[in-house]
Amino acid sequence: MSTAAAITNHVRAGLTPAAIRAMFPALSPHTVASYCKAARRGLTPAERAEIESRRQPAITPPGGQVPFTRREVLSPEHRRLGIKLARARGTAGQSLTEFAQSHGMTRIRLAALEQGLADPTLTELARLAEIVGTNIAGLLEPVRPVVRLAAR
């Protein structure tokens, strides 16, 4: 059986492109995606509906996805981490995108961390502590307030 035919059978079985990619590690992701698109184009509307009915529904909270602006801060520690990251970015004089790219993360991930909406992994905590110039314990210590004096 050819690769194209095998991938077509997997698409008809309802597998996702990611699952199919895992089954063909010798092929590039682009090649697998091309085969999957070609296989989907060859499906009849009835076949598409049948495949869609067998798929597992996505896990979302009741009422759908919570908008980013309405999410709550996870904990005071997460907020402290966010404040320290935002201050480090301000000190560097970089935009969110520039700072994220220079430290190997996405802009959305950095924004979520700065706002206390994301839970960093231990590896991320170590990298963030290095960025801020402290250790992990120092990263989670209370934030010293910034005192601004007004000129008279």
Protein backbone atom coordinates (compact mmCIF):
# COMPACT_ATOMS: atom_id res chain seq x y z
CA MET A 1 0.00 0.00 0.00
CA SER A 2 1.32 3.42 -0.89
CA THR A 3 1.92 6.14 1.69
CA ALA A 4 -0.85 8.27 0.21
CA ALA A 5 -3.33 5.38 0.44
CA ALA A 6 -2.31 4.62 4.04
CA ILE A 7 -2.73 8.25 5.07
CA THR A 8 -6.10 8.40 3.28
CA ASN A 9 -7.24 5.35 5.28
CA HIS A 10 -6.13 7.03 8.52
CA VAL A 11 -8.00 10.23 7.59
CA ARG A 12 -11.12 8.15 6.84
CA ALA A 13 -10.69 6.48 10.25
CA GLY A 14 -10.93 9.94 11.82
CA LEU A 15 -7.33 10.36 12.99
CA THR A 16 -5.99 13.88 13.38
CA PRO A 17 -3.04 15.09 11.29
CA ALA A 18 -0.90 15.13 14.46
CA ALA A 19 -1.67 11.47 15.15
CA ILE A 20 -0.94 10.59 11.53
CA ARG A 21 2.37 12.52 11.68
CA ALA A 22 3.39 10.40 14.67
CA MET A 23 2.76 7.25 12.62
CA PHE A 24 5.04 8.43 9.80
CA PRO A 25 8.17 9.84 11.49
CA ALA A 26 10.25 9.51 8.30
CA LEU A 27 8.01 12.01 6.49
CA SER A 28 8.24 15.74 7.04
CA PRO A 29 5.26 17.38 8.77
CA HIS A 30 4.61 19.37 5.57
CA THR A 31 4.41 16.17 3.50
CA VAL A 32 1.98 14.53 5.93
CA ALA A 33 -0.14 17.69 5.99
CA SER A 34 -0.26 17.70 2.18
CA TYR A 35 -1.36 14.06 2.07
CA CYS A 36 -4.02 14.74 4.74
CA LYS A 37 -5.40 17.73 2.83
CA ALA A 38 -5.56 15.72 -0.37
CA ALA A 39 -7.34 12.90 1.45
CA ARG A 40 -9.88 15.30 2.98
CA ARG A 41 -10.57 16.87 -0.43
CA GLY A 42 -11.45 13.41 -1.76
CA LEU A 43 -14.08 12.76 0.91
CA THR A 44 -17.77 13.08 0.18
CA PRO A 45 -19.89 15.33 2.43
CA ALA A 46 -21.46 12.21 3.98
CA GLU A 47 -18.02 10.78 4.80
CA ARG A 48 -16.93 14.10 6.36
CA ALA A 49 -20.07 14.22 8.51
CA GLU A 50 -19.54 10.61 9.63
CA ILE A 51 -15.89 11.27 10.56
CA GLU A 52 -16.86 14.43 12.43
CA SER A 53 -19.53 12.55 14.40
CA ARG A 54 -16.93 9.98 15.60
CA ARG A 55 -14.42 12.61 16.77
CA GLN A 56 -14.04 13.28 20.47
CA PRO A 57 -15.38 16.72 21.42
CA ALA A 58 -12.78 19.22 22.60
CA ILE A 59 -12.55 19.67 26.35
CA THR A 60 -13.76 23.17 27.14
CA PRO A 61 -15.15 24.66 30.32
CA PRO A 62 -18.94 24.87 30.68
CA GLY A 63 -20.19 27.74 28.59
CA GLY A 64 -17.22 27.60 26.22
CA GLN A 65 -13.75 29.09 26.25
CA VAL A 66 -13.02 31.79 28.84
CA PRO A 67 -11.80 34.97 27.13
CA PHE A 68 -8.22 35.94 27.98
CA THR A 69 -9.38 39.25 29.49
CA ARG A 70 -11.74 37.51 31.95
CA ARG A 71 -9.31 34.93 33.31
CA GLU A 72 -8.27 35.25 36.92
CA VAL A 73 -4.76 35.44 38.36
CA LEU A 74 -3.75 31.98 39.53
CA SER A 75 -2.11 33.05 42.81
CA PRO A 76 -0.18 35.92 44.43
CA GLU A 77 3.06 34.13 43.51
CA HIS A 78 2.06 34.09 39.85
CA ARG A 79 1.30 37.81 40.00
CA ARG A 80 4.67 38.54 41.68
CA LEU A 81 6.44 36.62 38.95
CA GLY A 82 4.53 38.63 36.35
CA ILE A 83 5.45 41.95 37.92
CA LYS A 84 9.13 41.01 38.01
CA LEU A 85 9.04 39.90 34.38
CA ALA A 86 7.32 43.12 33.30
CA ARG A 87 9.92 45.17 35.19
CA ALA A 88 12.77 43.23 33.56
CA ARG A 89 11.21 43.86 30.15
CA GLY A 90 10.81 47.55 30.96
CA THR A 91 14.44 47.77 32.08
CA ALA A 92 15.52 46.15 28.83
CA GLY A 93 13.40 48.67 26.93
CA GLN A 94 11.87 45.95 24.77
CA SER A 95 8.36 45.32 23.52
CA LEU A 96 6.54 42.17 24.52
CA THR A 97 7.37 40.54 21.18
CA GLU A 98 11.05 41.53 21.23
CA PHE A 99 11.52 40.37 24.83
CA ALA A 100 9.74 37.06 24.20
CA GLN A 101 11.75 36.32 21.05
CA SER A 102 15.05 37.23 22.66
CA HIS A 103 14.35 34.74 25.47
CA GLY A 104 12.91 31.90 23.38
CA MET A 105 9.21 32.07 24.18
CA THR A 106 6.07 33.22 22.43
CA ARG A 107 4.52 36.63 22.94
CA ILE A 108 1.27 35.07 24.15
CA ARG A 109 3.07 32.90 26.72
CA LEU A 110 5.03 35.89 28.02
CA ALA A 111 1.86 38.01 28.25
CA ALA A 112 0.10 35.25 30.20
CA LEU A 113 3.07 34.91 32.57
CA GLU A 114 3.28 38.69 33.11
CA GLN A 115 -0.43 38.83 33.96
CA GLY A 116 -0.25 35.83 36.32
CA LEU A 117 -2.60 33.78 34.13
CA ALA A 118 -0.17 30.95 33.27
CA ASP A 119 1.53 28.37 35.41
CA PRO A 120 5.22 28.15 34.43
CA THR A 121 7.04 24.84 34.38
CA LEU A 122 10.11 24.34 36.56
CA THR A 123 12.34 24.71 33.51
CA GLU A 124 10.63 27.99 32.63
CA LEU A 125 11.01 29.20 36.22
CA ALA A 126 14.75 28.59 36.08
CA ARG A 127 15.01 30.42 32.75
CA LEU A 128 12.85 33.31 34.02
CA ALA A 129 14.96 33.61 37.18
CA GLU A 130 18.03 33.89 34.96
CA ILE A 131 16.33 36.57 32.86
CA VAL A 132 15.38 38.60 35.96
CA GLY A 133 18.83 38.07 37.46
CA THR A 134 17.95 36.06 40.56
CA ASN A 135 17.24 32.50 41.63
CA ILE A 136 13.87 30.75 41.76
CA ALA A 137 13.34 31.64 45.44
CA GLY A 138 14.10 35.29 44.70
CA LEU A 139 11.67 35.19 41.82
CA LEU A 140 8.83 34.27 44.17
CA GLU A 141 9.66 36.73 46.97
CA PRO A 142 7.33 39.68 47.57
CA VAL A 143 7.76 42.58 45.19
CA ARG A 144 9.16 45.82 46.52
CA PRO A 145 6.84 48.68 45.60
CA VAL A 146 8.15 51.30 43.21
CA VAL A 147 8.13 54.70 44.88
CA ARG A 148 7.77 57.62 42.50
CA LEU A 149 8.45 61.12 43.64
CA ALA A 150 6.55 63.94 42.06
CA ALA A 151 8.48 67.07 41.16
CA ARG A 152 7.12 70.30 42.60
